[in-house]
Amino acid sequence: MSTLAEIEAAVDALPAAEKQQLLLFIAARLRSQGGSLPAPREFTREQVDAWIAEDEADMKGFSDSQPK
């Protein structure tokens, strides 16, 4: 494998547990090479509240659609 497309295709074929191992391997390599993480994203309280409200509404809609 020499191209990113070939590597991506090979990763797609891996079981989930091996994908997780690969991710941890890559993260360790990036840390050892001085790679830095992006700055944490900041969200306003209003954004978080809106996401929670949307999630609650979606859950209620789902629950209401289930046979009883």
Protein backbone atom coordinates (compact mmCIF):
# COMPACT_ATOMS: atom_id res chain seq x y z
CA MET A 1 0.00 0.00 0.00
CA SER A 2 1.51 3.26 -1.02
CA THR A 3 -1.36 5.69 -1.46
CA LEU A 4 -3.77 7.16 1.01
CA ALA A 5 -6.68 5.73 -0.98
CA GLU A 6 -5.24 2.22 -0.66
CA ILE A 7 -4.71 2.68 3.07
CA GLU A 8 -8.25 4.01 3.52
CA ALA A 9 -9.67 1.01 1.64
CA ALA A 10 -7.65 -1.37 3.82
CA VAL A 11 -8.84 0.38 6.99
CA ASP A 12 -12.46 0.10 5.83
CA ALA A 13 -11.99 -3.67 5.64
CA LEU A 14 -10.77 -3.94 9.25
CA PRO A 15 -13.06 -5.01 12.09
CA ALA A 16 -13.97 -2.26 14.56
CA ALA A 17 -11.54 -3.48 17.24
CA GLU A 18 -8.60 -3.31 14.84
CA LYS A 19 -9.67 0.14 13.64
CA GLN A 20 -9.54 1.27 17.26
CA GLN A 21 -6.06 -0.22 17.70
CA LEU A 22 -4.93 1.56 14.53
CA LEU A 23 -6.32 4.87 15.75
CA LEU A 24 -4.46 4.52 19.04
CA PHE A 25 -1.27 3.61 17.15
CA ILE A 26 -1.56 6.69 14.93
CA ALA A 27 -2.33 8.95 17.89
CA ALA A 28 0.76 7.67 19.73
CA ARG A 29 2.94 8.31 16.66
CA LEU A 30 1.58 11.85 16.30
CA ARG A 31 2.26 12.57 19.98
CA SER A 32 5.81 11.24 19.73
CA GLN A 33 6.45 13.46 16.71
CA GLY A 34 5.30 16.54 18.54
CA GLY A 35 1.93 16.73 16.88
CA SER A 36 -0.49 18.98 18.68
CA LEU A 37 -4.20 18.74 19.08
CA PRO A 38 -6.44 21.44 17.68
CA ALA A 39 -7.71 23.95 20.21
CA PRO A 40 -10.92 22.87 21.93
CA ARG A 41 -14.04 24.21 20.33
CA GLU A 42 -16.06 26.61 22.40
CA PHE A 43 -19.85 26.61 22.42
CA THR A 44 -22.21 29.09 23.97
CA ARG A 45 -24.65 27.98 26.62
CA GLU A 46 -27.44 28.78 24.14
CA GLN A 47 -25.98 26.39 21.54
CA VAL A 48 -25.68 23.58 24.06
CA ASP A 49 -29.20 24.21 25.37
CA ALA A 50 -30.57 24.15 21.80
CA TRP A 51 -28.83 20.83 21.07
CA ILE A 52 -30.18 19.31 24.26
CA ALA A 53 -33.71 20.54 23.50
CA GLU A 54 -33.48 19.11 19.97
CA ASP A 55 -32.23 15.80 21.30
CA GLU A 56 -35.02 15.63 23.89
CA ALA A 57 -37.63 16.40 21.22
CA ASP A 58 -36.20 13.73 18.92
CA MET A 59 -36.25 11.18 21.76
CA LYS A 60 -39.84 12.05 22.61
CA GLY A 61 -40.81 11.67 18.95
CA PHE A 62 -39.07 8.32 18.82
CA SER A 63 -40.67 7.12 22.06
CA ASP A 64 -44.10 8.25 20.92
CA SER A 65 -43.72 6.32 17.65
CA GLN A 66 -42.95 3.00 19.38
CA PRO A 67 -45.76 0.45 19.83
CA LYS A 68 -46.96 0.19 23.37
